[in-house]
């Protein structure tokens, strides 16, 4: 059995709405699943950055580089 730890977050109303919007957009069932998904995404970004990679968004000739303070700026080449 996996031990669970309960946490409580104090979010502004706008942040809670954003969390719910993400939950709906991702097709998830709960805020807990949404936070787990966000943690998995953050972990992947950190892993890619640690390996010197950049996370990009590409649309035709337009390229945008993801910058997350404390993650993407801590590593990389």
N, C-alpha and C. Protein backbone atom coordinates (compact mmCIF):
# COMPACT_ATOMS: atom_id res chain seq x y z
N UNK A 1 0.84 -1.18 0.00
CA UNK A 1 0.00 0.00 0.00
C UNK A 1 0.89 1.25 0.00
N UNK A 2 0.55 2.20 -0.86
CA UNK A 2 1.29 3.44 -0.95
C UNK A 2 0.81 4.40 0.13
N UNK A 3 1.78 4.90 0.89
CA UNK A 3 1.43 5.86 1.94
C UNK A 3 1.10 7.20 1.31
N UNK A 4 0.01 7.79 1.72
CA UNK A 4 -0.41 9.08 1.20
C UNK A 4 -0.19 10.15 2.27
N UNK A 5 0.11 11.35 1.81
CA UNK A 5 0.25 12.49 2.69
C UNK A 5 -0.74 13.55 2.25
N UNK A 6 -1.55 14.01 3.16
CA UNK A 6 -2.52 15.06 2.84
C UNK A 6 -1.84 16.40 2.91
N UNK A 7 -2.10 17.22 1.90
CA UNK A 7 -1.62 18.60 1.91
C UNK A 7 -2.80 19.52 1.70
N UNK A 8 -2.67 20.74 2.16
CA UNK A 8 -3.71 21.73 1.97
C UNK A 8 -3.09 22.94 1.30
N UNK A 9 -3.74 23.45 0.27
CA UNK A 9 -3.25 24.60 -0.46
C UNK A 9 -4.20 25.77 -0.29
N UNK A 10 -3.65 26.94 -0.10
CA UNK A 10 -4.46 28.15 -0.10
C UNK A 10 -4.22 28.83 -1.44
N UNK A 11 -5.24 28.82 -2.28
CA UNK A 11 -5.15 29.41 -3.60
C UNK A 11 -6.06 30.62 -3.70
N UNK A 12 -5.65 31.58 -4.51
CA UNK A 12 -6.55 32.69 -4.82
C UNK A 12 -7.69 32.12 -5.67
N UNK A 13 -8.82 32.80 -5.69
CA UNK A 13 -9.97 32.32 -6.46
C UNK A 13 -9.59 32.09 -7.92
N UNK A 14 -8.82 32.99 -8.49
CA UNK A 14 -8.41 32.87 -9.90
C UNK A 14 -7.54 31.62 -10.11
N UNK A 15 -6.67 31.31 -9.15
CA UNK A 15 -5.83 30.12 -9.26
C UNK A 15 -6.65 28.84 -9.17
N UNK A 16 -7.65 28.82 -8.29
CA UNK A 16 -8.53 27.67 -8.16
C UNK A 16 -9.34 27.47 -9.45
N UNK A 17 -9.78 28.57 -10.04
CA UNK A 17 -10.50 28.50 -11.31
C UNK A 17 -9.59 27.95 -12.41
N UNK A 18 -8.34 28.37 -12.41
CA UNK A 18 -7.38 27.87 -13.40
C UNK A 18 -7.14 26.38 -13.20
N UNK A 19 -7.02 25.94 -11.96
CA UNK A 19 -6.86 24.52 -11.66
C UNK A 19 -8.04 23.72 -12.19
N UNK A 20 -9.24 24.24 -11.97
CA UNK A 20 -10.45 23.57 -12.46
C UNK A 20 -10.52 23.59 -13.99
N UNK A 21 -10.08 24.68 -14.60
CA UNK A 21 -10.06 24.76 -16.06
C UNK A 21 -9.11 23.72 -16.62
N UNK A 22 -7.93 23.59 -16.00
CA UNK A 22 -6.96 22.59 -16.44
C UNK A 22 -7.53 21.18 -16.25
N UNK A 23 -8.19 20.94 -15.12
CA UNK A 23 -8.82 19.63 -14.87
C UNK A 23 -9.77 19.28 -16.00
N UNK A 24 -10.62 20.24 -16.37
CA UNK A 24 -11.58 20.00 -17.44
C UNK A 24 -10.89 19.83 -18.79
N UNK A 25 -9.89 20.66 -19.07
CA UNK A 25 -9.17 20.59 -20.34
C UNK A 25 -8.45 19.26 -20.49
N UNK A 26 -7.86 18.75 -19.42
CA UNK A 26 -7.13 17.48 -19.46
C UNK A 26 -8.06 16.27 -19.35
N UNK A 27 -9.35 16.53 -19.04
CA UNK A 27 -10.29 15.43 -18.89
C UNK A 27 -10.06 14.62 -17.64
N UNK A 28 -9.60 15.29 -16.58
CA UNK A 28 -9.32 14.61 -15.32
C UNK A 28 -10.54 14.67 -14.41
N UNK A 29 -10.54 13.83 -13.39
CA UNK A 29 -11.70 13.72 -12.50
C UNK A 29 -11.61 14.54 -11.23
N UNK A 30 -10.41 15.02 -10.88
CA UNK A 30 -10.29 15.71 -9.60
C UNK A 30 -9.15 16.71 -9.63
N UNK A 31 -9.16 17.59 -8.64
CA UNK A 31 -8.05 18.53 -8.48
C UNK A 31 -6.77 17.77 -8.14
N UNK A 32 -6.90 16.68 -7.39
CA UNK A 32 -5.74 15.87 -7.03
C UNK A 32 -5.06 15.33 -8.29
N UNK A 33 -5.85 14.79 -9.21
CA UNK A 33 -5.28 14.28 -10.46
C UNK A 33 -4.63 15.42 -11.25
N UNK A 34 -5.23 16.60 -11.20
CA UNK A 34 -4.68 17.75 -11.92
C UNK A 34 -3.32 18.14 -11.35
N UNK A 35 -3.21 18.17 -10.03
CA UNK A 35 -1.94 18.50 -9.39
C UNK A 35 -0.90 17.43 -9.70
N UNK A 36 -1.29 16.16 -9.68
CA UNK A 36 -0.36 15.08 -10.03
C UNK A 36 0.15 15.23 -11.46
N UNK A 37 -0.76 15.58 -12.37
CA UNK A 37 -0.37 15.79 -13.77
C UNK A 37 0.58 16.97 -13.90
N UNK A 38 0.29 18.05 -13.20
CA UNK A 38 1.16 19.22 -13.23
C UNK A 38 2.54 18.88 -12.67
N UNK A 39 2.58 18.09 -11.60
CA UNK A 39 3.86 17.67 -11.03
C UNK A 39 4.64 16.81 -12.02
N UNK A 40 3.95 15.92 -12.73
CA UNK A 40 4.62 15.08 -13.73
C UNK A 40 5.19 15.93 -14.86
N UNK A 41 4.46 16.95 -15.29
CA UNK A 41 4.94 17.86 -16.34
C UNK A 41 6.16 18.63 -15.84
N UNK A 42 6.08 19.15 -14.62
CA UNK A 42 7.21 19.89 -14.06
C UNK A 42 8.43 18.99 -13.92
N UNK A 43 8.23 17.74 -13.52
CA UNK A 43 9.33 16.79 -13.40
C UNK A 43 9.98 16.53 -14.75
N UNK A 44 9.17 16.39 -15.79
CA UNK A 44 9.69 16.17 -17.14
C UNK A 44 10.49 17.38 -17.61
N UNK A 45 9.97 18.59 -17.37
CA UNK A 45 10.68 19.81 -17.76
C UNK A 45 12.02 19.88 -17.05
N UNK A 46 12.02 19.59 -15.77
CA UNK A 46 13.28 19.61 -14.99
C UNK A 46 14.26 18.58 -15.52
N UNK A 47 13.78 17.39 -15.84
CA UNK A 47 14.64 16.34 -16.36
C UNK A 47 15.25 16.74 -17.71
N UNK A 48 14.44 17.28 -18.59
CA UNK A 48 14.94 17.73 -19.89
C UNK A 48 15.98 18.83 -19.72
N UNK A 49 15.70 19.77 -18.83
CA UNK A 49 16.63 20.88 -18.58
C UNK A 49 17.94 20.39 -17.99
N UNK A 50 17.86 19.43 -17.07
CA UNK A 50 19.06 18.86 -16.44
C UNK A 50 19.97 18.22 -17.49
N UNK A 51 19.38 17.68 -18.55
CA UNK A 51 20.15 17.04 -19.62
C UNK A 51 20.60 18.05 -20.68
N UNK A 52 20.37 19.33 -20.41
CA UNK A 52 20.81 20.36 -21.33
C UNK A 52 19.87 20.60 -22.50
N UNK A 53 18.69 20.05 -22.43
CA UNK A 53 17.70 20.21 -23.50
C UNK A 53 16.81 21.41 -23.22
N UNK A 54 16.19 21.92 -24.28
CA UNK A 54 15.23 23.01 -24.16
C UNK A 54 13.85 22.48 -24.52
N UNK A 55 12.85 22.99 -23.83
CA UNK A 55 11.47 22.64 -24.13
C UNK A 55 10.93 23.74 -25.04
N UNK A 56 10.45 23.34 -26.22
CA UNK A 56 10.05 24.31 -27.23
C UNK A 56 8.60 24.11 -27.66
N UNK A 57 8.04 25.19 -28.17
CA UNK A 57 6.76 25.16 -28.86
C UNK A 57 7.05 25.65 -30.27
N UNK A 58 6.64 24.88 -31.26
CA UNK A 58 6.94 25.23 -32.65
C UNK A 58 5.65 25.32 -33.44
N UNK A 59 5.50 26.43 -34.16
CA UNK A 59 4.35 26.64 -35.05
C UNK A 59 4.89 27.23 -36.34
N UNK A 60 5.13 26.38 -37.31
CA UNK A 60 5.73 26.85 -38.56
C UNK A 60 7.12 27.37 -38.28
N UNK A 61 7.34 28.64 -38.63
CA UNK A 61 8.65 29.26 -38.40
C UNK A 61 8.78 29.86 -37.00
N UNK A 62 7.69 29.91 -36.26
CA UNK A 62 7.72 30.50 -34.93
C UNK A 62 8.13 29.44 -33.91
N UNK A 63 9.18 29.76 -33.13
CA UNK A 63 9.66 28.86 -32.09
C UNK A 63 9.70 29.64 -30.77
N UNK A 64 9.10 29.08 -29.75
CA UNK A 64 9.10 29.68 -28.43
C UNK A 64 9.78 28.72 -27.46
N UNK A 65 10.70 29.24 -26.66
CA UNK A 65 11.46 28.45 -25.69
C UNK A 65 10.86 28.64 -24.31
N UNK A 66 10.51 27.53 -23.65
CA UNK A 66 9.94 27.59 -22.31
C UNK A 66 11.01 27.97 -21.30
N UNK A 67 10.71 28.97 -20.50
CA UNK A 67 11.60 29.37 -19.40
C UNK A 67 10.79 29.31 -18.11
N UNK A 68 11.25 28.47 -17.19
CA UNK A 68 10.62 28.35 -15.88
C UNK A 68 11.70 28.68 -14.85
N UNK A 69 11.61 29.86 -14.21
CA UNK A 69 12.63 30.22 -13.23
C UNK A 69 12.84 29.12 -12.19
N UNK A 70 14.10 28.84 -11.92
CA UNK A 70 14.44 27.81 -10.94
C UNK A 70 14.50 26.41 -11.52
N UNK A 71 13.99 26.24 -12.74
CA UNK A 71 14.06 24.92 -13.38
C UNK A 71 14.89 25.03 -14.65
N UNK A 72 14.36 25.70 -15.65
CA UNK A 72 15.05 25.76 -16.93
C UNK A 72 16.28 26.66 -16.89
N UNK A 73 16.33 27.59 -15.96
CA UNK A 73 17.49 28.48 -15.89
C UNK A 73 18.60 27.92 -15.01
N UNK A 74 18.31 26.88 -14.24
CA UNK A 74 19.30 26.32 -13.33
C UNK A 74 20.25 25.36 -14.03
N UNK A 75 19.80 24.77 -15.11
CA UNK A 75 20.58 23.77 -15.81
C UNK A 75 20.88 24.29 -17.19
N UNK A 76 20.91 23.45 -18.14
CA UNK A 76 21.09 23.87 -19.53
C UNK A 76 22.51 24.32 -19.82
N UNK A 77 22.76 24.44 -21.11
CA UNK A 77 24.11 24.77 -21.58
C UNK A 77 24.19 26.21 -21.98
